[in-house]
PDB file of N, CA and C in Angstrom:
ATOM      1  N   UNK A   1     274.796 232.505 181.974  1.00  0.00           N
ATOM      2  CA  UNK A   1     275.135 233.192 183.400  1.00  0.00           C
ATOM      3  C   UNK A   1     276.514 233.538 182.913  1.00  0.00           C
ATOM      4  N   UNK A   2     276.669 234.758 183.407  1.00  0.00           N
ATOM      5  CA  UNK A   2     278.228 235.208 183.214  1.00  0.00           C
ATOM      6  C   UNK A   2     279.146 234.732 184.312  1.00  0.00           C
ATOM      7  N   UNK A   3     280.248 234.989 184.167  1.00  0.00           N
ATOM      8  CA  UNK A   3     281.375 234.403 185.218  1.00  0.00           C
ATOM      9  C   UNK A   3     281.127 235.050 186.385  1.00  0.00           C
ATOM     10  N   UNK A   4     280.760 236.527 186.457  1.00  0.00           N
ATOM     11  CA  UNK A   4     280.650 237.297 187.656  1.00  0.00           C
ATOM     12  C   UNK A   4     279.238 236.498 188.459  1.00  0.00           C
ATOM     13  N   UNK A   5     278.260 236.225 187.628  1.00  0.00           N
ATOM     14  CA  UNK A   5     277.115 235.705 188.250  1.00  0.00           C
ATOM     15  C   UNK A   5     277.313 234.408 188.797  1.00  0.00           C
ATOM     16  N   UNK A   6     278.221 233.664 188.137  1.00  0.00           N
ATOM     17  CA  UNK A   6     278.580 232.297 188.646  1.00  0.00           C
ATOM     18  C   UNK A   6     279.328 232.414 189.809  1.00  0.00           C
ATOM     19  N   UNK A   7     280.317 233.357 189.850  1.00  0.00           N
ATOM     20  CA  UNK A   7     281.195 233.504 190.968  1.00  0.00           C
ATOM     21  C   UNK A   7     280.279 233.792 192.116  1.00  0.00           C
ATOM     22  N   UNK A   8     279.315 234.858 191.937  1.00  0.00           N
ATOM     23  CA  UNK A   8     278.500 235.139 193.213  1.00  0.00           C
ATOM     24  C   UNK A   8     277.566 233.788 193.654  1.00  0.00           C
ATOM     25  N   UNK A   9     277.092 233.274 192.708  1.00  0.00           N
ATOM     26  CA  UNK A   9     276.162 232.026 192.921  1.00  0.00           C
ATOM     27  C   UNK A   9     276.953 231.110 193.772  1.00  0.00           C
ATOM     28  N   UNK A  10     278.453 230.835 193.489  1.00  0.00           N
ATOM     29  CA  UNK A  10     279.285 229.903 194.183  1.00  0.00           C
ATOM     30  C   UNK A  10     279.438 230.514 195.553  1.00  0.00           C
ATOM     31  N   UNK A  11     279.741 231.744 195.777  1.00  0.00           N
ATOM     32  CA  UNK A  11     280.002 232.373 197.048  1.00  0.00           C
ATOM     33  C   UNK A  11     278.629 232.255 197.965  1.00  0.00           C
ATOM     34  N   UNK A  12     277.635 232.419 197.299  1.00  0.00           N
ATOM     35  CA  UNK A  12     276.325 232.228 198.225  1.00  0.00           C
ATOM     36  C   UNK A  12     276.280 230.849 198.593  1.00  0.00           C
ATOM     37  N   UNK A  13     276.313 230.043 197.756  1.00  0.00           N
ATOM     38  CA  UNK A  13     276.327 228.575 198.111  1.00  0.00           C
ATOM     39  C   UNK A  13     277.288 228.197 199.260  1.00  0.00           C
ATOM     40  N   UNK A  14     278.448 228.697 199.265  1.00  0.00           N
ATOM     41  CA  UNK A  14     279.452 228.382 200.396  1.00  0.00           C
ATOM     42  C   UNK A  14     278.911 229.115 201.673  1.00  0.00           C
ATOM     43  N   UNK A  15     278.675 230.320 201.588  1.00  0.00           N
ATOM     44  CA  UNK A  15     278.048 230.956 202.709  1.00  0.00           C
ATOM     45  C   UNK A  15     276.790 230.385 203.271  1.00  0.00           C
ATOM     46  N   UNK A  16     275.971 229.759 202.592  1.00  0.00           N
ATOM     47  CA  UNK A  16     274.699 229.055 202.991  1.00  0.00           C
ATOM     48  C   UNK A  16     275.165 227.979 204.017  1.00  0.00           C
ATOM     49  N   UNK A  17     276.301 227.288 203.746  1.00  0.00           N
ATOM     50  CA  UNK A  17     276.704 226.124 204.786  1.00  0.00           C
ATOM     51  C   UNK A  17     277.742 226.635 205.452  1.00  0.00           C
ATOM     52  N   UNK A  18     277.889 227.823 205.880  1.00  0.00           N
ATOM     53  CA  UNK A  18     278.870 228.500 206.794  1.00  0.00           C
ATOM     54  C   UNK A  18     280.298 228.333 206.394  1.00  0.00           C
ATOM     55  N   UNK A  19     280.594 228.419 205.239  1.00  0.00           N
ATOM     56  CA  UNK A  19     282.077 228.250 204.562  1.00  0.00           C
ATOM     57  C   UNK A  19     282.660 229.434 205.340  1.00  0.00           C
ATOM     58  N   UNK A  20     284.073 229.236 205.797  1.00  0.00           N
ATOM     59  CA  UNK A  20     284.835 230.270 206.393  1.00  0.00           C
ATOM     60  C   UNK A  20     285.830 230.675 205.635  1.00  0.00           C
ATOM     61  N   UNK A  21     286.041 232.045 205.855  1.00  0.00           N
ATOM     62  CA  UNK A  21     287.248 232.798 204.976  1.00  0.00           C
ATOM     63  C   UNK A  21     287.060 232.711 203.460  1.00  0.00           C
ATOM     64  N   UNK A  22     285.870 233.066 203.025  1.00  0.00           N
ATOM     65  CA  UNK A  22     285.729 233.022 201.469  1.00  0.00           C
ATOM     66  C   UNK A  22     286.480 234.095 200.880  1.00  0.00           C
ATOM     67  N   UNK A  23     287.447 233.911 199.873  1.00  0.00           N
ATOM     68  CA  UNK A  23     288.159 235.010 199.170  1.00  0.00           C
ATOM     69  C   UNK A  23     287.874 234.603 197.880  1.00  0.00           C
ATOM     70  N   UNK A  24     287.466 235.634 196.894  1.00  0.00           N
ATOM     71  CA  UNK A  24     287.444 235.483 195.523  1.00  0.00           C
ATOM     72  C   UNK A  24     288.470 236.396 194.740  1.00  0.00           C
ATOM     73  N   UNK A  25     289.170 235.804 194.045  1.00  0.00           N
ATOM     74  CA  UNK A  25     290.386 236.456 193.279  1.00  0.00           C
ATOM     75  C   UNK A  25     290.019 236.490 191.655  1.00  0.00           C
ATOM     76  N   UNK A  26     290.106 237.658 190.936  1.00  0.00           N
ATOM     77  CA  UNK A  26     290.093 237.574 189.688  1.00  0.00           C
ATOM     78  C   UNK A  26     291.503 237.353 189.066  1.00  0.00           C
ATOM     79  N   UNK A  27     291.510 236.182 188.323  1.00  0.00           N
ATOM     80  CA  UNK A  27     292.864 235.725 187.771  1.00  0.00           C
ATOM     81  C   UNK A  27     293.015 235.944 186.364  1.00  0.00           C
ATOM     82  N   UNK A  28     291.987 236.445 185.624  1.00  0.00           N
ATOM     83  CA  UNK A  28     291.896 236.578 184.177  1.00  0.00           C
ATOM     84  C   UNK A  28     293.146 237.148 183.548  1.00  0.00           C
ATOM     85  N   UNK A  29     293.822 237.969 184.443  1.00  0.00           N
ATOM     86  CA  UNK A  29     295.181 238.835 183.623  1.00  0.00           C
ATOM     87  C   UNK A  29     296.377 237.717 184.034  1.00  0.00           C
ATOM     88  N   UNK A  30     296.125 236.797 184.811  1.00  0.00           N
ATOM     89  CA  UNK A  30     297.364 236.006 185.264  1.00  0.00           C
ATOM     90  C   UNK A  30     297.199 234.677 184.377  1.00  0.00           C
ATOM     91  N   UNK A  31     296.158 234.238 183.858  1.00  0.00           N
ATOM     92  CA  UNK A  31     295.908 232.854 183.318  1.00  0.00           C
ATOM     93  C   UNK A  31     294.827 232.773 182.400  1.00  0.00           C
ATOM     94  N   UNK A  32     294.937 231.950 181.334  1.00  0.00           N
ATOM     95  CA  UNK A  32     293.790 231.797 180.534  1.00  0.00           C
ATOM     96  C   UNK A  32     292.937 230.469 181.034  1.00  0.00           C
ATOM     97  N   UNK A  33     293.364 229.991 182.018  1.00  0.00           N
ATOM     98  CA  UNK A  33     292.613 228.785 182.543  1.00  0.00           C
ATOM     99  C   UNK A  33     291.361 229.041 183.191  1.00  0.00           C
ATOM    100  N   UNK A  34     291.159 230.269 183.754  1.00  0.00           N
ATOM    101  CA  UNK A  34     289.864 230.752 184.533  1.00  0.00           C
ATOM    102  C   UNK A  34     290.077 232.194 184.578  1.00  0.00           C
ATOM    103  N   UNK A  35     288.866 232.644 184.889  1.00  0.00           N
ATOM    104  CA  UNK A  35     288.819 234.124 185.159  1.00  0.00           C
ATOM    105  C   UNK A  35     288.671 234.515 186.640  1.00  0.00           C
ATOM    106  N   UNK A  36     288.145 233.452 187.470  1.00  0.00           N
ATOM    107  CA  UNK A  36     288.075 233.745 189.027  1.00  0.00           C
ATOM    108  C   UNK A  36     288.385 232.431 189.852  1.00  0.00           C
ATOM    109  N   UNK A  37     289.043 232.677 190.816  1.00  0.00           N
ATOM    110  CA  UNK A  37     289.308 231.542 191.653  1.00  0.00           C
ATOM    111  C   UNK A  37     288.638 231.930 193.053  1.00  0.00           C
ATOM    112  N   UNK A  38     287.887 230.898 193.504  1.00  0.00           N
ATOM    113  CA  UNK A  38     287.181 231.195 194.745  1.00  0.00           C
ATOM    114  C   UNK A  38     287.725 230.168 195.981  1.00  0.00           C
ATOM    115  N   UNK A  39     288.031 230.799 197.038  1.00  0.00           N
ATOM    116  CA  UNK A  39     288.881 229.987 198.100  1.00  0.00           C
ATOM    117  C   UNK A  39     287.916 229.985 199.273  1.00  0.00           C
ATOM    118  N   UNK A  40     287.806 228.840 199.887  1.00  0.00           N
ATOM    119  CA  UNK A  40     286.803 228.788 201.079  1.00  0.00           C
ATOM    120  C   UNK A  40     287.581 227.686 201.976  1.00  0.00           C
ATOM    121  N   UNK A  41     287.384 227.856 203.303  1.00  0.00           N
ATOM    122  CA  UNK A  41     287.828 226.798 204.256  1.00  0.00           C
ATOM    123  C   UNK A  41     286.451 226.175 204.850  1.00  0.00           C
ATOM    124  N   UNK A  42     286.680 224.893 205.247  1.00  0.00           N
ATOM    125  CA  UNK A  42     285.659 223.986 206.058  1.00  0.00           C
ATOM    126  C   UNK A  42     286.233 223.713 207.400  1.00  0.00           C
ATOM    127  N   UNK A  43     285.359 223.234 208.166  1.00  0.00           N
ATOM    128  CA  UNK A  43     285.997 222.846 209.580  1.00  0.00           C
ATOM    129  C   UNK A  43     286.215 221.533 209.778  1.00  0.00           C
ATOM    130  N   UNK A  44     285.825 220.683 208.839  1.00  0.00           N
ATOM    131  CA  UNK A  44     285.993 219.215 208.796  1.00  0.00           C
ATOM    132  C   UNK A  44     286.035 218.610 207.512  1.00  0.00           C
ATOM    133  N   UNK A  45     286.655 217.567 207.300  1.00  0.00           N
ATOM    134  CA  UNK A  45     286.650 216.696 206.101  1.00  0.00           C
ATOM    135  C   UNK A  45     285.046 216.689 205.562  1.00  0.00           C
ATOM    136  N   UNK A  46     284.266 216.349 206.463  1.00  0.00           N
ATOM    137  CA  UNK A  46     282.712 216.355 206.032  1.00  0.00           C
ATOM    138  C   UNK A  46     282.229 217.515 205.467  1.00  0.00           C
ATOM    139  N   UNK A  47     282.644 218.753 206.509  1.00  0.00           N
ATOM    140  CA  UNK A  47     282.296 220.061 205.922  1.00  0.00           C
ATOM    141  C   UNK A  47     282.881 220.713 204.696  1.00  0.00           C
ATOM    142  N   UNK A  48     284.137 220.403 204.540  1.00  0.00           N
ATOM    143  CA  UNK A  48     284.796 220.438 203.127  1.00  0.00           C
ATOM    144  C   UNK A  48     283.789 220.013 201.901  1.00  0.00           C
ATOM    145  N   UNK A  49     283.516 218.668 202.166  1.00  0.00           N
ATOM    146  CA  UNK A  49     282.985 218.017 201.033  1.00  0.00           C
ATOM    147  C   UNK A  49     281.575 218.561 200.808  1.00  0.00           C
ATOM    148  N   UNK A  50     280.717 218.946 201.964  1.00  0.00           N
ATOM    149  CA  UNK A  50     279.428 219.508 201.856  1.00  0.00           C
ATOM    150  C   UNK A  50     279.401 220.808 201.034  1.00  0.00           C
ATOM    151  N   UNK A  51     280.516 221.437 201.438  1.00  0.00           N
ATOM    152  CA  UNK A  51     280.608 222.998 200.972  1.00  0.00           C
ATOM    153  C   UNK A  51     280.691 222.851 199.344  1.00  0.00           C
ATOM    154  N   UNK A  52     281.679 221.863 198.909  1.00  0.00           N
ATOM    155  CA  UNK A  52     281.959 221.820 197.663  1.00  0.00           C
ATOM    156  C   UNK A  52     280.760 221.243 196.902  1.00  0.00           C
ATOM    157  N   UNK A  53     279.999 220.216 197.421  1.00  0.00           N
ATOM    158  CA  UNK A  53     278.894 219.729 196.947  1.00  0.00           C
ATOM    159  C   UNK A  53     277.660 220.761 196.853  1.00  0.00           C
ATOM    160  N   UNK A  54     277.583 221.557 197.697  1.00  0.00           N
ATOM    161  CA  UNK A  54     276.500 222.589 197.514  1.00  0.00           C
ATOM    162  C   UNK A  54     276.715 223.541 196.452  1.00  0.00           C
ATOM    163  N   UNK A  55     278.095 223.987 196.482  1.00  0.00           N
ATOM    164  CA  UNK A  55     278.199 224.856 195.243  1.00  0.00           C
ATOM    165  C   UNK A  55     278.129 224.067 193.889  1.00  0.00           C
ATOM    166  N   UNK A  56     278.425 222.928 193.820  1.00  0.00           N
ATOM    167  CA  UNK A  56     278.060 222.201 192.597  1.00  0.00           C
ATOM    168  C   UNK A  56     276.549 221.912 192.380  1.00  0.00           C
ATOM    169  N   UNK A  57     275.878 221.664 193.450  1.00  0.00           N
ATOM    170  CA  UNK A  57     274.316 221.583 193.407  1.00  0.00           C
ATOM    171  C   UNK A  57     273.626 222.842 192.906  1.00  0.00           C
ATOM    172  N   UNK A  58     274.162 223.835 193.465  1.00  0.00           N
ATOM    173  CA  UNK A  58     273.475 225.187 193.182  1.00  0.00           C
ATOM    174  C   UNK A  58     273.825 225.499 191.668  1.00  0.00           C
ATOM    175  N   UNK A  59     274.843 225.237 191.362  1.00  0.00           N
ATOM    176  CA  UNK A  59     275.268 225.790 190.011  1.00  0.00           C
ATOM    177  C   UNK A  59     274.476 224.905 188.987  1.00  0.00           C
ATOM    178  N   UNK A  60     274.551 223.558 189.108  1.00  0.00           N
ATOM    179  CA  UNK A  60     273.610 222.684 188.402  1.00  0.00           C
ATOM    180  C   UNK A  60     272.205 222.944 188.297  1.00  0.00           C
ATOM    181  N   UNK A  61     271.536 223.467 189.494  1.00  0.00           N
ATOM    182  CA  UNK A  61     270.212 223.925 189.367  1.00  0.00           C
ATOM    183  C   UNK A  61     270.054 225.155 188.361  1.00  0.00           C
ATOM    184  N   UNK A  62     271.230 225.866 188.132  1.00  0.00           N
ATOM    185  CA  UNK A  62     271.118 226.991 187.126  1.00  0.00           C
ATOM    186  C   UNK A  62     271.630 226.663 185.810  1.00  0.00           C
ATOM    187  N   UNK A  63     271.790 225.448 185.657  1.00  0.00           N
ATOM    188  CA  UNK A  63     272.155 224.834 184.250  1.00  0.00           C
ATOM    189  C   UNK A  63     273.666 225.197 183.933  1.00  0.00           C
ATOM    190  N   UNK A  64     274.604 225.302 185.019  1.00  0.00           N
ATOM    191  CA  UNK A  64     275.997 225.391 184.578  1.00  0.00           C
ATOM    192  C   UNK A  64     276.463 224.038 184.543  1.00  0.00           C
ATOM    193  N   UNK A  65     277.428 223.854 183.789  1.00  0.00           N
ATOM    194  CA  UNK A  65     278.054 222.570 183.597  1.00  0.00           C
ATOM    195  C   UNK A  65     279.399 222.540 184.406  1.00  0.00           C
ATOM    196  N   UNK A  66     279.448 221.388 185.150  1.00  0.00           N
ATOM    197  CA  UNK A  66     280.720 221.302 185.979  1.00  0.00           C
ATOM    198  C   UNK A  66     281.675 220.468 185.082  1.00  0.00           C
ATOM    199  N   UNK A  67     282.919 220.879 184.926  1.00  0.00           N
ATOM    200  CA  UNK A  67     283.931 220.385 184.098  1.00  0.00           C
ATOM    201  C   UNK A  67     284.425 219.084 184.999  1.00  0.00           C
ATOM    202  N   UNK A  68     284.863 219.372 186.295  1.00  0.00           N
ATOM    203  CA  UNK A  68     285.470 218.472 187.009  1.00  0.00           C
ATOM    204  C   UNK A  68     285.410 218.631 188.558  1.00  0.00           C
ATOM    205  N   UNK A  69     285.336 217.704 189.186  1.00  0.00           N
ATOM    206  CA  UNK A  69     285.428 217.720 190.703  1.00  0.00           C
ATOM    207  C   UNK A  69     286.600 216.714 191.212  1.00  0.00           C
ATOM    208  N   UNK A  70     287.471 217.353 191.946  1.00  0.00           N
ATOM    209  CA  UNK A  70     288.700 216.431 192.557  1.00  0.00           C
ATOM    210  C   UNK A  70     288.754 216.515 194.068  1.00  0.00           C
ATOM    211  N   UNK A  71     289.070 215.578 194.646  1.00  0.00           N
ATOM    212  CA  UNK A  71     289.430 215.507 196.128  1.00  0.00           C
ATOM    213  C   UNK A  71     288.224 215.122 197.010  1.00  0.00           C
ATOM    214  N   UNK A  72     287.116 214.733 196.435  1.00  0.00           N
ATOM    215  CA  UNK A  72     285.893 214.476 197.207  1.00  0.00           C
ATOM    216  C   UNK A  72     286.195 213.396 198.312  1.00  0.00           C
ATOM    217  N   UNK A  73     286.976 212.340 197.864  1.00  0.00           N
ATOM    218  CA  UNK A  73     287.102 211.141 198.616  1.00  0.00           C
ATOM    219  C   UNK A  73     287.914 211.536 199.905  1.00  0.00           C
ATOM    220  N   UNK A  74     288.965 212.352 199.889  1.00  0.00           N
ATOM    221  CA  UNK A  74     289.694 212.637 201.085  1.00  0.00           C
ATOM    222  C   UNK A  74     288.985 213.776 201.840  1.00  0.00           C
ATOM    223  N   UNK A  75     288.604 214.863 201.083  1.00  0.00           N
ATOM    224  CA  UNK A  75     287.985 215.891 201.805  1.00  0.00           C
ATOM    225  C   UNK A  75     288.944 217.037 202.513  1.00  0.00           C
ATOM    226  N   UNK A  76     290.284 216.801 202.208  1.00  0.00           N
ATOM    227  CA  UNK A  76     291.106 217.963 202.595  1.00  0.00           C
ATOM    228  C   UNK A  76     291.160 219.093 201.766  1.00  0.00           C
ATOM    229  N   UNK A  77     290.884 218.876 200.465  1.00  0.00           N
ATOM    230  CA  UNK A  77     290.933 219.885 199.390  1.00  0.00           C
ATOM    231  C   UNK A  77     290.195 219.342 198.379  1.00  0.00           C
ATOM    232  N   UNK A  78     288.891 220.045 198.111  1.00  0.00           N
ATOM    233  CA  UNK A  78     288.021 219.666 197.073  1.00  0.00           C
ATOM    234  C   UNK A  78     287.987 220.934 196.067  1.00  0.00           C
ATOM    235  N   UNK A  79     288.245 220.278 194.716  1.00  0.00           N
ATOM    236  CA  UNK A  79     288.283 221.550 193.687  1.00  0.00           C
ATOM    237  C   UNK A  79     287.081 221.277 192.792  1.00  0.00           C
ATOM    238  N   UNK A  80     286.341 222.422 192.619  1.00  0.00           N
ATOM    239  CA  UNK A  80     285.221 222.224 191.595  1.00  0.00           C
ATOM    240  C   UNK A  80     285.602 223.138 190.423  1.00  0.00           C
ATOM    241  N   UNK A  81     285.521 222.578 189.128  1.00  0.00           N
ATOM    242  CA  UNK A  81     286.004 223.290 188.187  1.00  0.00           C
ATOM    243  C   UNK A  81     284.844 223.687 187.335  1.00  0.00           C
ATOM    244  N   UNK A  82     284.371 225.033 187.207  1.00  0.00           N
ATOM    245  CA  UNK A  82     283.193 225.401 186.259  1.00  0.00           C
ATOM    246  C   UNK A  82     283.570 226.098 184.982  1.00  0.00           C
ATOM    247  N   UNK A  83     284.996 225.942 184.837  1.00  0.00           N
ATOM    248  CA  UNK A  83     285.646 226.506 183.634  1.00  0.00           C
ATOM    249  C   UNK A  83     286.070 228.011 183.815  1.00  0.00           C
ATOM    250  N   UNK A  84     285.220 228.724 183.847  1.00  0.00           N
ATOM    251  CA  UNK A  84     285.689 230.328 184.142  1.00  0.00           C
ATOM    252  C   UNK A  84     285.927 230.617 185.540  1.00  0.00           C
ATOM    253  N   UNK A  85     285.163 229.796 186.469  1.00  0.00           N
ATOM    254  CA  UNK A  85     285.265 229.803 187.770  1.00  0.00           C
ATOM    255  C   UNK A  85     285.790 228.530 188.429  1.00  0.00           C
ATOM    256  N   UNK A  86     286.882 228.507 189.311  1.00  0.00           N
ATOM    257  CA  UNK A  86     287.414 227.378 189.931  1.00  0.00           C
ATOM    258  C   UNK A  86     287.212 227.512 191.417  1.00  0.00           C
ATOM    259  N   UNK A  87     286.689 226.736 192.068  1.00  0.00           N
ATOM    260  CA  UNK A  87     286.436 226.638 193.585  1.00  0.00           C
ATOM    261  C   UNK A  87     287.306 225.756 194.457  1.00  0.00           C
ATOM    262  N   UNK A  88     288.120 226.313 195.202  1.00  0.00           N
ATOM    263  CA  UNK A  88     288.917 225.446 196.100  1.00  0.00           C
ATOM    264  C   UNK A  88     288.497 225.514 197.660  1.00  0.00           C
ATOM    265  N   UNK A  89     288.054 224.326 198.108  1.00  0.00           N
ATOM    266  CA  UNK A  89     287.307 224.343 199.327  1.00  0.00           C
ATOM    267  C   UNK A  89     288.404 223.374 200.276  1.00  0.00           C
ATOM    268  N   UNK A  90     288.992 223.759 201.323  1.00  0.00           N
ATOM    269  CA  UNK A  90     290.071 223.221 201.891  1.00  0.00           C
ATOM    270  C   UNK A  90     290.048 223.202 203.601  1.00  0.00           C
ATOM    271  N   UNK A  91     290.606 222.434 203.932  1.00  0.00           N
ATOM    272  CA  UNK A  91     290.806 222.355 205.540  1.00  0.00           C
ATOM    273  C   UNK A  91     291.702 223.613 205.774  1.00  0.00           C
ATOM    274  N   UNK A  92     291.765 224.267 206.952  1.00  0.00           N
ATOM    275  CA  UNK A  92     292.487 225.306 207.050  1.00  0.00           C
ATOM    276  C   UNK A  92     294.057 225.150 207.083  1.00  0.00           C
ATOM    277  N   UNK A  93     294.303 223.942 207.543  1.00  0.00           N
ATOM    278  CA  UNK A  93     295.777 223.618 207.454  1.00  0.00           C
ATOM    279  C   UNK A  93     296.302 223.354 206.053  1.00  0.00           C
ATOM    280  N   UNK A  94     295.467 222.800 205.314  1.00  0.00           N
ATOM    281  CA  UNK A  94     295.788 222.443 203.803  1.00  0.00           C
ATOM    282  C   UNK A  94     295.880 223.869 202.967  1.00  0.00           C
ATOM    283  N   UNK A  95     294.916 224.677 203.392  1.00  0.00           N
ATOM    284  CA  UNK A  95     295.030 226.113 202.708  1.00  0.00           C
ATOM    285  C   UNK A  95     296.087 226.898 203.093  1.00  0.00           C
ATOM    286  N   UNK A  96     296.511 226.911 204.498  1.00  0.00           N
ATOM    287  CA  UNK A  96     297.848 227.615 204.748  1.00  0.00           C
ATOM    288  C   UNK A  96     298.971 226.992 204.227  1.00  0.00           C
ATOM    289  N   UNK A  97     299.042 225.576 204.169  1.00  0.00           N
ATOM    290  CA  UNK A  97     300.313 225.090 203.590  1.00  0.00           C
ATOM    291  C   UNK A  97     300.468 225.371 202.079  1.00  0.00           C
ATOM    292  N   UNK A  98     299.566 225.302 201.330  1.00  0.00           N
ATOM    293  CA  UNK A  98     299.497 225.511 199.867  1.00  0.00           C
ATOM    294  C   UNK A  98     299.653 227.033 199.606  1.00  0.00           C
ATOM    295  N   UNK A  99     298.843 227.846 200.369  1.00  0.00           N
ATOM    296  CA  UNK A  99     298.876 229.384 200.304  1.00  0.00           C
ATOM    297  C   UNK A  99     298.457 229.830 198.766  1.00  0.00           C
ATOM    298  N   UNK A 100     297.589 229.161 198.150  1.00  0.00           N
ATOM    299  CA  UNK A 100     297.372 229.530 196.810  1.00  0.00           C
ATOM    300  C   UNK A 100     296.856 230.902 196.484  1.00  0.00           C
ATOM    301  N   UNK A 101     296.078 231.534 197.631  1.00  0.00           N
ATOM    302  CA  UNK A 101     295.725 232.841 197.477  1.00  0.00           C
ATOM    303  C   UNK A 101     296.900 233.921 197.189  1.00  0.00           C
ATOM    304  N   UNK A 102     297.771 233.579 197.982  1.00  0.00           N
ATOM    305  CA  UNK A 102     299.117 234.552 197.840  1.00  0.00           C
ATOM    306  C   UNK A 102     299.768 234.099 196.390  1.00  0.00           C
ATOM    307  N   UNK A 103     299.761 232.899 195.880  1.00  0.00           N
ATOM    308  CA  UNK A 103     300.444 232.691 194.582  1.00  0.00           C
ATOM    309  C   UNK A 103     299.549 233.266 193.606  1.00  0.00           C
ATOM    310  N   UNK A 104     298.349 233.294 193.612  1.00  0.00           N
ATOM    311  CA  UNK A 104     297.475 233.862 192.435  1.00  0.00           C
ATOM    312  C   UNK A 104     297.205 235.290 192.733  1.00  0.00           C
ATOM    313  N   UNK A 105     297.755 235.835 193.802  1.00  0.00           N
ATOM    314  CA  UNK A 105     297.589 237.243 193.944  1.00  0.00           C
ATOM    315  C   UNK A 105     299.051 238.204 193.427  1.00  0.00           C
ATOM    316  N   UNK A 106     300.105 237.396 193.316  1.00  0.00           N
ATOM    317  CA  UNK A 106     301.164 237.901 192.807  1.00  0.00           C
ATOM    318  C   UNK A 106     301.152 238.355 191.517  1.00  0.00           C
ATOM    319  N   UNK A 107     301.862 239.608 191.084  1.00  0.00           N
ATOM    320  CA  UNK A 107     301.645 239.955 189.500  1.00  0.00           C
ATOM    321  C   UNK A 107     302.327 238.943 188.678  1.00  0.00           C
ATOM    322  N   UNK A 108     301.798 238.905 187.505  1.00  0.00           N
ATOM    323  CA  UNK A 108     302.450 238.039 186.578  1.00  0.00           C
ATOM    324  C   UNK A 108     303.923 238.767 186.202  1.00  0.00           C
ATOM    325  N   UNK A 109     304.829 237.552 186.071  1.00  0.00           N
ATOM    326  CA  UNK A 109     306.140 237.840 185.694  1.00  0.00           C
ATOM    327  C   UNK A 109     306.571 237.509 184.276  1.00  0.00           C
ATOM    328  N   UNK A 110     307.012 238.302 183.352  1.00  0.00           N
ATOM    329  CA  UNK A 110     307.114 238.009 182.066  1.00  0.00           C
ATOM    330  C   UNK A 110     308.364 237.392 181.944  1.00  0.00           C
ATOM    331  N   UNK A 111     308.707 236.482 181.037  1.00  0.00           N
ATOM    332  CA  UNK A 111     309.726 235.657 180.779  1.00  0.00           C
ATOM    333  C   UNK A 111     310.826 236.477 180.015  1.00  0.00           C
ATOM    334  N   UNK A 112     312.014 236.448 180.402  1.00  0.00           N
ATOM    335  CA  UNK A 112     312.982 237.482 179.546  1.00  0.00           C
ATOM    336  C   UNK A 112     312.947 236.926 178.047  1.00  0.00           C
ATOM    337  N   UNK A 113     313.041 238.157 177.268  1.00  0.00           N
ATOM    338  CA  UNK A 113     313.022 237.764 175.905  1.00  0.00           C
ATOM    339  C   UNK A 113     314.262 237.315 175.357  1.00  0.00           C
ATOM    340  N   UNK A 114     314.161 236.317 174.464  1.00  0.00           N
ATOM    341  CA  UNK A 114     315.376 235.711 173.904  1.00  0.00           C
ATOM    342  C   UNK A 114     315.936 236.374 172.706  1.00  0.00           C
ATOM    343  N   UNK A 115     317.520 236.508 172.709  1.00  0.00           N
ATOM    344  CA  UNK A 115     317.958 237.270 171.573  1.00  0.00           C
ATOM    345  C   UNK A 115     317.679 236.758 170.090  1.00  0.00           C
TER     346      UNK A 115
END
């Protein structure tokens, strides 16, 4: 499965459980950690956990390996790491506070060259 297909699978899994304000960013030119980041809001801690679980479940069904899941206990921000695609599911307040979409949308800044 390509990273584009995985990104689409994750988006569909989030949409299936009524995820809010889904945004996908191509970050391949900003970092070598991942090619895509998907952001989504849930309406409650339980909803956040369910959204992340569904994304993980649908990917597992297609044979995609999950590298890690963080934040399931609290449910304010659950991160699912698929390698090339990283999914952030958050409560709206948490999402607004960290504003990751803005950070990952900024153009990369090169460090000044050393003499």
